[in-house]
Protein backbone atom coordinates (compact mmCIF):
# COMPACT_ATOMS: atom_id res chain seq x y z
CA MET A 1 105.37 116.48 76.86
CA PHE A 2 103.41 113.53 78.60
CA ASN A 3 100.45 112.32 76.00
CA LEU A 4 97.32 110.95 77.80
CA LEU A 5 96.72 107.99 76.00
CA LYS A 6 93.92 106.41 78.08
CA PRO A 7 93.06 104.50 81.19
CA ILE A 8 95.00 101.27 81.54
CA ASP A 9 93.51 98.06 80.36
CA TYR A 10 92.61 95.11 82.78
CA ILE A 11 92.66 91.47 82.02
CA LYS A 12 89.66 89.97 84.04
CA ASN A 13 89.27 86.25 85.15
CA ASN A 14 85.84 85.99 86.39
CA LYS A 15 86.05 84.10 89.76
CA LEU A 16 83.39 83.49 92.45
CA LYS A 17 83.39 82.29 95.83
CA LYS A 18 80.34 80.04 96.73
CA ILE A 19 79.24 79.77 100.35
CA LEU A 20 75.76 78.08 101.07
CA LEU A 21 73.53 80.50 102.77
CA LYS A 22 72.75 77.83 105.63
CA ASP A 23 76.08 78.08 106.87
CA ILE A 24 75.90 81.98 107.56
CA SER A 25 74.58 82.55 110.74
CA GLU A 26 72.70 85.45 112.28
CA GLY A 27 75.31 87.88 113.40
CA GLU A 28 79.44 87.53 112.45
CA ASN A 29 80.61 84.62 110.74
CA SER A 30 84.22 83.87 110.10
CA PHE A 31 85.56 82.19 107.16
CA ASP A 32 89.29 81.58 105.93
CA GLU A 33 88.84 84.55 103.58
CA PHE A 34 86.09 86.73 104.73
CA ILE A 35 84.11 88.13 107.67
CA ILE A 36 80.62 87.80 106.68
CA VAL A 37 77.71 89.67 108.95
CA ARG A 38 73.87 88.58 108.41
CA LYS A 39 71.33 90.80 109.66
CA LYS A 40 68.11 88.59 108.64
CA ASN A 41 68.21 89.22 104.80
CA ASP A 42 71.03 92.12 104.74
CA ILE A 43 74.27 90.33 104.23
CA SER A 44 77.60 92.31 104.33
CA VAL A 45 81.19 90.66 103.17
CA TYR A 46 84.60 91.92 104.10
CA ASN A 47 87.99 90.59 103.01
CA ARG A 48 90.61 90.21 105.69
CA ASN A 49 93.33 92.34 104.31
CA CYS A 50 94.01 95.23 106.56
CA ASP A 51 93.20 98.70 105.06
CA HIS A 52 96.59 100.01 106.99
CA GLN A 53 99.59 98.34 105.80
CA GLY A 54 98.01 94.98 104.12
CA GLY A 55 98.36 92.92 106.98
CA LYS A 56 95.51 89.99 107.45
CA ILE A 57 92.56 90.33 109.90
CA ILE A 58 92.84 87.61 112.60
CA SER A 59 89.37 86.62 114.32
CA LYS A 60 89.85 84.93 117.86
CA ASN A 61 87.42 84.80 120.48
CA GLY A 62 84.94 87.23 118.96
CA SER A 63 87.48 89.88 117.94
CA HIS A 64 88.82 90.86 114.63
CA ILE A 65 92.50 92.33 114.99
CA CYS A 66 95.57 92.82 112.55
CA PRO A 67 98.81 91.64 114.51
CA MET A 68 100.96 94.26 112.54
CA HIS A 69 99.74 97.12 114.23
CA ASN A 70 96.74 96.45 115.94
CA TRP A 71 94.06 97.55 114.19
CA LYS A 72 90.85 96.44 115.35
CA PHE A 73 88.11 95.89 112.93
CA ASN A 74 84.06 95.54 113.89
CA PRO A 75 82.25 93.96 111.02
CA LEU A 76 79.03 94.99 112.94
CA ASN A 77 79.56 98.55 111.95
CA GLY A 78 82.08 98.16 108.95
CA CYS A 79 84.59 100.00 110.71
CA TYR A 80 88.21 99.79 112.77
CA ALA A 81 88.26 101.16 116.28
CA ASN A 82 89.87 104.14 115.01
CA GLY A 83 86.68 105.13 112.76
CA PHE A 84 87.94 104.36 109.48
CA ARG A 85 85.45 102.45 107.09
CA LYS A 86 86.19 99.21 105.33
CA GLU A 87 84.94 98.64 102.11
CA LYS A 88 82.45 95.73 101.60
CA GLU A 89 83.04 92.93 98.95
CA LYS A 90 80.72 92.61 95.82
CA HIS A 91 78.30 89.47 96.17
CA ILE A 92 75.10 88.38 94.45
CA ILE A 93 72.87 85.78 96.42
CA LYS A 94 71.34 83.02 94.13
CA ASP A 95 69.89 79.43 94.50
CA ASP A 96 70.36 79.84 98.47
CA CYS A 97 74.07 80.32 97.79
CA LEU A 98 76.14 83.48 98.39
CA PHE A 99 78.61 84.07 95.66
CA ILE A 100 81.37 86.46 96.12
CA ASP A 101 83.33 87.99 93.61
CA ILE A 102 86.84 87.22 93.68
CA SER A 103 87.77 88.02 90.23
CA GLU A 104 91.36 89.12 89.21
CA LYS A 105 92.06 92.32 87.37
CA ILE A 106 95.44 91.94 86.18
CA PRO A 107 96.58 95.86 84.65
CA SER A 108 97.99 95.51 81.19
CA ILE A 109 99.98 98.60 79.95
CA SER A 110 100.46 99.23 76.39
CA THR A 111 103.99 98.22 74.62
CA ALA A 112 105.68 98.94 71.57
CA LYS A 113 107.00 95.74 69.62
CA LYS A 114 110.28 97.25 69.55
CA VAL A 115 113.42 95.57 71.22
CA THR A 116 115.03 98.32 73.34
CA ASN A 117 118.02 98.89 75.27
CA THR A 118 117.23 99.56 79.08
CA GLU A 119 119.80 100.97 81.51
CA ILE A 120 118.74 100.97 85.25
CA ARG A 121 121.34 102.67 87.89
CA PHE A 122 120.88 102.36 91.53
CA PHE A 123 122.57 105.57 93.10
CA ASN A 124 120.80 105.15 96.79
CA HIS A 125 117.93 104.03 98.87
CA ALA A 126 115.04 104.71 96.58
CA PHE A 127 117.08 107.23 94.20
CA VAL A 128 117.17 105.27 90.76
CA LYS A 129 117.83 106.56 87.11
CA ILE A 130 116.22 104.68 84.07
CA LYS A 131 117.33 105.77 80.29
CA ASP A 132 117.24 104.39 76.90
CA LYS A 133 119.07 106.65 73.79
CA ASP A 134 115.87 108.86 73.51
CA PHE A 135 114.89 109.62 77.11
CA SER A 136 115.95 109.30 81.18
CA PHE A 137 114.46 109.90 84.16
CA ALA A 138 115.41 109.63 87.96
CA THR A 139 113.00 108.28 90.65
CA ASP A 140 113.19 109.85 94.45
CA PRO A 141 116.34 111.39 94.77
CA TRP A 142 118.02 111.40 98.09
CA ALA A 143 121.78 111.71 98.02
CA ILE A 144 123.10 113.41 100.83
CA GLY A 145 122.35 114.64 104.25
CA PRO A 146 119.43 113.32 106.92
CA ALA A 147 115.89 112.62 106.35
CA PHE A 148 112.87 112.64 108.91
CA ASN A 149 114.49 115.63 111.04
CA THR A 150 117.76 113.87 111.40
CA GLY A 151 116.45 110.40 112.38
CA TRP A 152 117.14 108.80 109.14
CA TRP A 153 120.64 108.72 107.44
CA LEU A 154 121.93 106.99 104.04
CA LYS A 155 123.33 103.35 105.01
CA ASN A 156 125.76 104.04 102.10
CA LYS A 157 127.59 106.87 100.45
CA THR A 158 126.43 108.19 96.86
CA LYS A 159 128.66 108.38 93.89
CA ASN A 160 129.87 111.79 93.31
CA ASP A 161 128.25 112.10 89.77
CA TRP A 162 124.76 112.19 91.52
CA VAL A 163 123.92 115.88 90.63
CA ASP A 164 125.11 115.75 87.01
CA GLN A 165 123.08 112.43 86.34
CA LEU A 166 120.13 114.10 87.83
CA ASN A 167 120.29 117.25 85.72
CA ASP A 168 120.55 115.28 82.84
CA CYS A 169 117.06 113.58 83.14
CA ASN A 170 113.98 114.32 81.03
CA PHE A 171 111.90 114.27 84.33
CA VAL A 172 112.15 113.27 87.74
CA TYR A 173 109.40 111.07 89.42
CA ILE A 174 108.39 111.91 93.17
CA SER A 175 106.27 109.11 94.50
CA HIS A 176 105.09 110.73 97.70
CA ASN A 177 106.21 113.58 100.19
CA HIS A 178 108.04 111.61 102.64
CA PRO A 179 111.62 113.22 102.97
CA ASP A 180 113.30 110.03 101.69
CA HIS A 181 111.67 110.52 98.93
CA LEU A 182 111.02 114.04 98.42
CA HIS A 183 114.24 115.37 99.93
CA PRO A 184 114.75 119.10 99.99
CA LEU A 185 118.63 119.16 100.51
CA THR A 186 119.15 116.95 97.57
CA LEU A 187 116.44 118.41 95.16
CA ARG A 188 118.14 122.10 95.82
CA LYS A 189 120.85 120.75 93.29
CA ILE A 190 118.21 120.38 90.53
CA ASN A 191 117.89 122.95 87.96
CA LYS A 192 114.64 124.93 88.99
CA ASN A 193 113.44 124.06 85.46
CA MET A 194 113.36 120.32 85.65
CA ASN A 195 110.14 118.64 84.85
CA PHE A 196 108.67 116.71 87.72
CA VAL A 197 105.79 113.74 87.88
CA VAL A 198 103.97 113.57 90.70
CA PRO A 199 100.76 111.65 91.60
CA ASP A 200 97.35 113.26 91.43
CA PHE A 201 96.72 113.18 94.90
CA SER A 202 93.68 114.61 96.36
CA THR A 203 95.34 116.90 98.64
CA ASP A 204 98.10 117.45 96.11
CA SER A 205 100.60 116.93 99.05
CA THR A 206 103.69 116.11 96.95
CA GLY A 207 102.91 118.72 94.31
CA LYS A 208 102.58 121.85 96.39
CA TYR A 209 105.69 121.02 98.21
CA LEU A 210 107.64 120.90 95.22
CA GLU A 211 106.20 124.35 94.41
CA GLU A 212 107.32 125.52 97.77
CA LEU A 213 110.72 124.47 96.87
CA GLY A 214 110.68 126.81 93.51
CA PHE A 215 110.09 124.18 90.88
CA VAL A 216 107.50 125.15 88.36
CA ASN A 217 107.23 122.47 85.71
CA ILE A 218 105.15 119.83 87.87
CA HIS A 219 103.13 117.28 86.02
CA ARG A 220 100.54 115.72 88.23
CA LEU A 221 99.64 112.52 86.24
CA LYS A 222 96.21 110.79 86.88
CA PHE A 223 96.06 107.51 88.66
CA ALA A 224 95.80 103.99 86.56
CA HIS A 225 95.76 105.88 82.88
CA GLU A 226 98.67 105.82 80.25
CA TYR A 227 101.14 108.60 79.04
CA LYS A 228 103.42 108.61 76.53
CA PHE A 229 106.68 110.60 77.01
CA ARG A 230 107.12 112.58 73.64
CA ASP A 231 107.84 110.83 70.65
CA THR A 232 109.47 107.79 72.48
CA ASN A 233 109.01 104.11 73.33
CA LEU A 234 108.47 105.03 77.27
CA ILE A 235 104.56 104.67 78.33
CA LEU A 236 104.13 104.95 81.89
CA SER A 237 101.36 104.83 84.78
CA ILE A 238 100.93 105.88 88.05
CA LEU A 239 99.42 103.56 90.73
CA LYS A 240 98.05 104.23 94.01
CA SER A 241 98.87 102.29 97.24
CA GLY A 242 96.11 100.37 98.03
CA ASP A 243 95.62 101.99 101.58
CA PHE A 244 94.23 105.16 102.59
CA ARG A 245 97.87 106.61 102.81
CA GLU A 246 99.28 109.36 99.85
CA ASP A 247 101.76 107.13 98.18
CA SER A 248 102.27 105.51 94.56
CA GLY A 249 104.34 103.56 92.58
CA ILE A 250 105.32 103.99 88.82
CA TYR A 251 104.47 101.15 86.22
CA PHE A 252 106.19 101.50 82.86
CA SER A 253 107.14 99.92 79.80
CA ASN A 254 110.15 100.66 77.09
CA GLY A 255 109.12 98.90 74.06
CA THR A 256 108.64 95.12 75.18
CA PHE A 257 110.49 95.56 78.53
CA THR A 258 108.19 95.87 81.62
CA SER A 259 108.77 97.48 84.95
CA LEU A 260 107.12 98.31 88.07
CA PHE A 261 108.56 100.07 91.03
CA ASP A 262 106.08 100.25 93.90
CA VAL A 263 108.37 102.15 96.34
CA ASP A 264 106.86 101.99 99.86
CA SER A 265 103.16 101.45 98.65
CA ASN A 266 100.92 98.81 100.30
CA SER A 267 98.78 96.82 97.95
CA ILE A 268 99.71 98.86 94.88
CA ASN A 269 96.84 99.56 92.73
CA PHE A 270 94.76 98.00 95.34
CA ASN A 271 95.91 94.57 94.91
CA ARG A 272 95.39 94.45 91.16
CA TYR A 273 99.17 93.48 90.15
CA PRO A 274 100.59 93.69 86.77
CA LYS A 275 102.88 90.84 85.20
CA VAL A 276 106.56 92.66 84.79
CA ASP A 277 109.88 91.66 83.62
CA PHE A 278 111.58 93.99 86.26
CA TYR A 279 110.16 94.64 89.81
CA ALA A 280 111.32 97.00 92.50
CA SER A 281 110.56 97.34 95.75
CA SER A 282 111.20 98.16 99.61
CA PHE A 283 112.48 95.07 101.71
CA ALA A 284 113.83 96.12 104.62
CA GLY A 285 111.28 97.01 107.02
CA GLY A 286 111.69 99.07 110.26
CA ALA A 287 110.78 102.44 108.49
CA SER A 288 108.24 103.30 111.24
CA GLY A 289 108.36 104.64 114.59
CA TYR A 290 105.98 102.01 115.30
CA PRO A 291 106.30 99.99 117.95
CA ILE A 292 109.74 101.41 118.96
CA MET A 293 108.72 105.09 120.03
CA PHE A 294 105.15 103.83 121.32
CA GLU A 295 104.93 104.02 125.10
CA ASN A 296 101.89 101.81 125.22
CA PHE A 297 104.23 98.72 124.93
CA GLN A 298 107.04 97.06 127.17
CA LYS A 299 110.39 96.31 125.27
CA LYS A 300 109.72 92.66 124.90
CA GLN A 301 106.32 93.46 123.37
CA LYS A 302 108.03 95.49 120.81
CA SER A 303 110.82 93.14 119.92
CA GLU A 304 107.87 90.61 119.41
CA ILE A 305 105.97 92.92 117.06
CA LEU A 306 109.36 93.94 115.14
CA ASN A 307 109.95 90.42 114.63
CA ARG A 308 106.51 89.30 113.43
CA ASN A 309 106.51 92.48 110.99
CA LYS A 310 109.73 91.37 109.44
CA LEU A 311 108.54 87.72 108.61
CA PHE A 312 105.51 89.33 107.45
CA LEU A 313 106.85 91.48 105.10
CA LYS A 314 109.24 88.94 103.47
CA ARG A 315 105.66 86.36 103.51
CA LYS A 316 103.51 89.50 101.52
CA LYS A 317 106.56 89.71 98.83
CA ILE A 318 106.35 86.07 98.20
CA LYS A 319 102.64 86.25 97.49
CA ILE A 320 103.28 89.55 95.25
CA PHE A 321 106.14 87.47 93.34
CA GLN A 322 103.59 85.04 92.58
CA LEU A 323 101.09 87.40 91.10
CA ILE A 324 103.71 89.84 89.16
CA LYS A 325 105.84 86.89 88.12
CA PRO A 326 108.83 88.96 87.66
CA LYS A 327 112.16 87.68 85.90
CA TYR A 328 114.34 90.04 87.97
CA PHE A 329 113.68 91.58 91.44
CA MET A 330 115.85 94.77 92.71
CA PRO A 331 115.11 95.50 96.62
CA TYR A 332 115.66 99.04 97.02
CA ALA A 333 113.97 101.53 99.21
CA GLY A 334 115.47 100.29 102.10
CA PHE A 335 118.93 101.63 102.53
CA PHE A 336 118.74 103.94 105.87
CA SER A 337 120.38 103.47 109.11
CA VAL A 338 120.23 105.54 112.62
CA LYS A 339 123.72 107.04 112.88
CA LEU A 340 123.55 109.77 115.77
CA LYS A 341 124.61 109.03 119.12
CA ARG A 342 121.21 110.03 120.74
CA ASP A 343 119.29 107.41 118.61
CA ARG A 344 121.24 104.31 120.02
CA THR A 345 118.19 102.78 121.71
CA VAL A 346 116.44 102.58 118.17
CA ASN A 347 119.32 100.98 116.79
CA GLU A 348 119.19 98.34 119.33
CA LEU A 349 115.37 97.52 118.79
CA GLN A 350 115.48 97.98 115.25
CA ASN A 351 115.38 94.55 113.27
CA LYS A 352 115.33 95.21 109.74
CA ASN A 353 115.59 92.62 106.65
CA LYS A 354 118.70 92.29 104.23
CA ILE A 355 119.13 91.42 100.78
CA SER A 356 120.67 88.45 101.21
CA ASP A 357 117.21 87.42 103.09
CA TYR A 358 115.55 87.04 99.70
CA ALA A 359 118.25 85.00 98.08
CA SER A 360 116.37 81.40 98.78
CA ILE A 361 113.21 83.23 98.10
CA CYS A 362 113.76 84.36 94.61
CA LYS A 363 115.73 81.31 93.62
CA LYS A 364 112.38 78.99 94.71
CA GLU A 365 110.31 81.54 92.62
CA ASN A 366 112.94 81.37 89.55
CA ILE A 367 113.37 85.02 89.89
CA LYS A 368 116.91 86.51 89.43
CA LEU A 369 117.89 88.62 92.38
CA LEU A 370 119.74 92.00 91.71
CA ASP A 371 121.84 93.04 94.60
CA VAL A 372 122.56 96.57 94.37
CA GLU A 373 125.26 96.55 97.20
CA LYS A 374 127.21 94.14 94.65
CA PHE A 375 126.46 96.18 91.37
CA ASP A 376 124.57 99.12 90.64
CA LYS A 377 124.17 99.35 86.96
CA PHE A 378 122.04 96.88 84.84
CA PHE A 379 121.59 96.59 81.17
CA PHE A 380 118.74 95.13 79.50
CA LYS A 381 118.03 94.43 75.78
CA GLY A 382 114.41 93.85 75.62
CA LYS A 383 113.55 91.58 78.03
CA LYS A 384 116.91 90.11 78.78
CA LEU A 385 119.55 91.12 81.24
CA LEU A 386 122.93 91.77 79.15
CA LYS A 387 125.48 92.77 81.96
CA SER A 388 125.55 94.32 85.66
CA GLU A 389 128.37 96.43 86.48
CA ASN A 390 129.55 98.96 88.83
CA ASN A 391 129.86 102.37 88.44
CA ASN A 392 133.66 103.74 89.14
CA ASN A 393 132.99 106.96 90.30
CA LYS A 394 134.37 108.18 93.76
CA ASN A 395 132.14 108.34 96.83
CA PHE A 396 130.52 112.06 97.20
CA ASN A 397 132.26 113.03 100.50
CA ASP A 398 129.29 114.17 103.08
CA LEU A 399 129.51 115.81 106.17
CA PRO A 400 129.26 113.58 109.57
CA PRO A 401 125.84 113.40 111.01
CA GLU A 402 126.97 115.19 113.89
CA VAL A 403 127.81 118.45 112.30
CA TYR A 404 124.23 118.29 110.42
CA LEU A 405 122.90 117.88 114.19
CA LYS A 406 124.69 120.77 115.43
CA ASN A 407 123.73 123.08 112.46
CA TYR A 408 120.07 121.83 112.96
CA LYS A 409 119.79 122.78 116.51
CA ASN A 410 121.40 125.92 116.12
CA ASN A 411 118.67 127.04 113.71
CA LEU A 412 115.63 125.62 115.56
CA ASN A 413 116.07 126.62 119.00
CA ARG A 414 113.67 129.53 119.39
CA ILE A 415 110.08 129.04 121.11
CA ASP A 416 107.69 131.08 119.28
CA LEU A 417 104.45 130.55 121.41
CA ASP A 418 102.22 133.01 119.55
CA PHE A 419 103.41 131.20 116.07
CA ILE A 420 102.55 127.86 117.67
CA ARG A 421 99.21 128.67 119.27
CA ASN A 422 98.17 130.23 115.87
CA TYR A 423 99.21 127.27 113.96
CA PHE A 424 97.06 124.67 115.63
CA GLU A 425 94.17 127.27 116.08
CA ASN A 426 94.29 128.04 112.74
CA SER A 427 94.26 124.23 111.19
CA ASN A 428 90.84 124.15 111.12
CA PHE A 429 90.99 120.24 112.42
CA LYS A 430 88.22 118.79 114.15
CA ASP A 431 88.03 115.37 115.81
CA ASN A 432 87.04 113.78 119.11
CA LEU A 433 90.91 113.95 120.27
CA VAL A 434 92.66 116.04 122.77
CA LEU A 435 96.52 116.22 121.97
CA PHE A 436 98.80 116.87 124.95
CA ILE A 437 102.87 117.80 123.95
CA SER A 438 105.90 118.19 125.84
CA LEU A 439 108.96 119.67 124.30
CA VAL A 440 112.11 117.91 125.20
CA ASN A 441 115.76 117.32 124.80
CA ASP A 442 117.97 114.70 123.16
CA ASN A 443 116.61 111.92 125.75
CA PHE A 444 112.86 112.80 125.62
CA MET A 445 113.43 114.23 129.26
CA ASN A 446 113.29 117.73 131.07
CA SER A 447 110.63 119.54 129.15
CA LYS A 448 110.76 123.05 128.53
CA LEU A 449 107.29 123.66 127.56
CA ASP A 450 103.85 121.58 128.04
CA PHE A 451 100.69 122.14 126.29
CA LYS A 452 97.46 120.63 124.92
CA ILE A 453 94.85 121.26 122.18
CA ASP A 454 91.47 120.31 122.39
CA PHE A 455 90.14 119.42 118.88
CA THR A 456 86.55 118.41 120.23
CA GLY A 457 84.86 121.99 119.83
CA GLU A 458 84.28 124.15 117.12
CA ARG A 459 87.76 125.11 116.81
CA PRO A 460 90.95 123.91 118.13
CA LEU A 461 91.62 125.02 121.50
CA PHE A 462 95.37 125.66 122.85
CA SER A 463 96.28 125.88 126.44
CA LEU A 464 99.46 125.54 128.48
CA ILE A 465 99.86 123.15 131.26
CA LYS A 466 101.72 124.12 134.64
CA ASN A 467 103.34 121.18 136.48
CA PHE A 468 102.47 118.83 133.83
CA SER A 469 102.78 115.21 135.23
CA GLY A 470 103.50 113.52 132.10
CA LYS A 471 100.74 111.06 132.54
CA ILE A 472 97.19 111.20 130.49
CA ARG A 473 94.17 109.60 132.15
CA ASN A 474 91.63 107.48 130.53
CA MET A 475 88.58 109.55 129.45
CA LYS A 476 85.77 107.27 128.03
CA LYS A 477 84.60 109.28 125.23
CA VAL A 478 87.74 111.63 124.36
CA LYS A 479 90.85 110.19 122.54
CA GLN A 480 93.85 111.22 123.97
CA LEU A 481 97.37 111.47 122.07
CA TYR A 482 100.50 112.45 124.13
CA LEU A 483 103.42 113.28 122.36
CA LYS A 484 107.31 113.74 123.67
CA CYS A 485 108.93 115.96 120.75
CA ARG A 486 112.45 116.45 120.64
CA LEU A 487 112.52 120.58 120.68
CA GLU A 488 114.24 121.05 117.29
CA SER A 489 112.24 118.82 115.46
CA PHE A 490 108.93 119.89 116.48
CA LEU A 491 110.03 123.30 115.72
CA ASN A 492 110.94 122.67 112.48
CA THR A 493 107.72 120.63 111.91
CA ILE A 494 105.65 123.81 113.13
CA TYR A 495 107.48 126.29 111.77
CA ASN A 496 107.61 124.90 108.45
CA LYS A 497 104.48 123.26 107.93
CA GLU A 498 106.12 119.85 107.80
CA PRO A 499 104.52 116.50 107.61
CA TRP A 500 104.16 115.38 111.18
CA GLU A 501 104.58 111.72 110.10
CA ASP A 502 108.20 112.85 110.12
CA LEU A 503 107.95 113.21 113.48
CA SER A 504 106.80 109.60 114.10
CA ILE A 505 108.71 108.13 111.18
CA GLY A 506 112.12 109.70 112.40
CA PHE A 507 112.02 108.54 116.12
CA GLN A 508 111.58 112.01 117.26
CA CYS A 509 108.77 111.84 119.19
CA LYS A 510 107.68 109.27 121.87
CA ILE A 511 103.77 108.47 121.80
CA MET A 512 101.40 107.23 124.39
CA ARG A 513 97.85 107.12 123.26
CA SER A 514 94.26 106.47 124.93
CA PRO A 515 92.82 104.29 123.77
CA ASN A 516 96.05 102.29 121.99
CA GLU A 517 94.27 103.14 118.49
CA TYR A 518 95.97 104.60 115.43
CA ASN A 519 94.42 108.18 115.16
CA TYR A 520 94.37 108.23 111.43
CA LYS A 521 92.41 111.48 111.09
CA PHE A 522 94.90 113.38 113.03
CA TRP A 523 98.11 111.60 111.23
CA HIS A 524 96.78 112.16 107.53
CA TYR A 525 95.50 115.72 108.09
CA PHE A 526 98.75 117.09 109.60
CA SER A 527 100.86 115.12 107.10
CA ASN A 528 98.93 115.65 103.89
CA THR A 529 96.47 118.56 103.82
CA TYR A 530 97.66 120.95 106.77
CA ILE A 531 101.41 121.29 105.33
CA THR A 532 103.54 123.74 103.36
CA SER A 533 102.30 126.77 101.97
CA LYS A 534 103.92 129.98 100.00
CA ASN A 535 103.75 131.78 103.81
CA ILE A 536 105.94 129.62 105.25
CA ARG A 537 109.72 130.15 105.42
CA PHE A 538 111.75 126.95 104.78
CA THR A 539 114.36 125.52 106.80
CA THR A 540 114.11 122.09 106.97
CA GLU A 541 117.09 119.77 106.64
CA CYS A 542 119.41 122.59 107.69
CA ASN A 543 119.06 124.34 103.94
CA SER A 544 118.98 127.67 105.88
CA CYS A 545 122.76 127.17 106.71
CA ASP A 546 125.00 128.93 104.40
CA LYS A 547 127.83 127.15 105.40
CA LEU A 548 126.42 123.66 104.99
CA ASN A 549 125.30 124.69 101.58
CA GLN A 550 128.72 126.12 100.71
CA TYR A 551 130.58 122.70 101.61
CA ILE A 552 128.06 120.93 99.59
CA ASP A 553 128.49 122.93 96.70
CA ASN A 554 132.18 122.61 97.16
CA GLN A 555 132.47 118.66 97.11
CA VAL A 556 129.84 118.89 93.84
CA HIS A 557 132.43 121.03 92.40
CA GLN A 558 135.40 118.63 93.46
CA LYS A 559 134.36 115.41 92.10
CA ASN A 560 136.40 113.49 89.71
């Protein structure tokens, strides 16, 4: 079905940054683009790109911190404060000068010379369908219901032909395992023989999740390799997110037409951006529990961080535009909102970009902005956009959010203490970390159960806490993480081995940490490695509720 052609080619323009050795002192040295450490004759060079979400590391008063999420970098040992190691930049020393390799490697995917007709239809969020007369495929379908334990809801309704359109595809591409991209309730309506394309992640976090849902035709494609789809003009490549997260984007050509959908990826393909005609990318921001759900910050600090991140996202997009030089930009993967009454505080703080915020940016960069809230179908002949139009189907009539929440709570209310204990003790996770958890109500109060898990020993140690004060004290040598989790969301995560990032991204837990640093080992392990398996029953997104499923089926059959 997918013919492996070759690794993608790169066009390299050799560039070197020259710095005189006499200008590099012993110890730490801060330059505009680099941080350089000199220890006698040994020199280490680090760029200023933060490995978390692509922010810029700022050097001030002897500290090196990314202001987006307060990641602190120590160039003397090459690690962030949370233990994540940063890669060194390549360099050579010659004639009393340091030369740093800053060459650009621009990926180039094969294209057929044929002028083709490409139709791109937007359905919702990151759910898009691409088709020609010889093929069609969809990306990251989320069409109905909630994501992230009822924390996220689709901002706009989906057209009611979405089921037929999905099942008419040759394959579906899933970029990563977040539920707004790998959405069980939506995927339930897809034929179990559908072909899926997923990235070849080391943990197989996306592929094994699809297998748990009952799908069997899963194609795990290597990163940065070209694949041709059958005997068509479609050639595609999966590109890795440029940070430590398991995320990806899809880069493809259909004849002379080239496109990149980088979804949620930070610094796609490790900042080696292709030049394409059509570029689709997330635009809104606000897709994180940070800093809204973090109790280490006051309300004013949270607002300042959110405003700074909002501006940063636009500035970063400008730099990407200048590298990619697309003719068309389609903002997508940002059409979610917070709709439940219990999350009104999140709504008060959340500050996201709108499509209109990119109008002047695109005009300045000579890019045509494609507003999917005005038009949802775009027709291309070769590289040229012929027309934009709206699909005239009616909207799918989904259930109200509060009804979903009621069913969600009814299905997830029984605390199985032995199951929870075994979940943690069998996780095989080890780190210099003690995790405290309180199971709370909608308002993150009135705990029903308090316990802790000590990950510092040979195996995790689970214990209940009586008369817990809800406070954690500083311990110099041991990191501590305290989560106040809504009961039903926590139980869903534990009983079904769901990714723990769903709790934080979905605003389902309040977080306190000591020190105030990202515990990347914990979140990565419990979001990508220790997730769903064949032994775990599946109830997330209210899938176990027959009444909900029957309602959805009826709505599908009643479409016009």
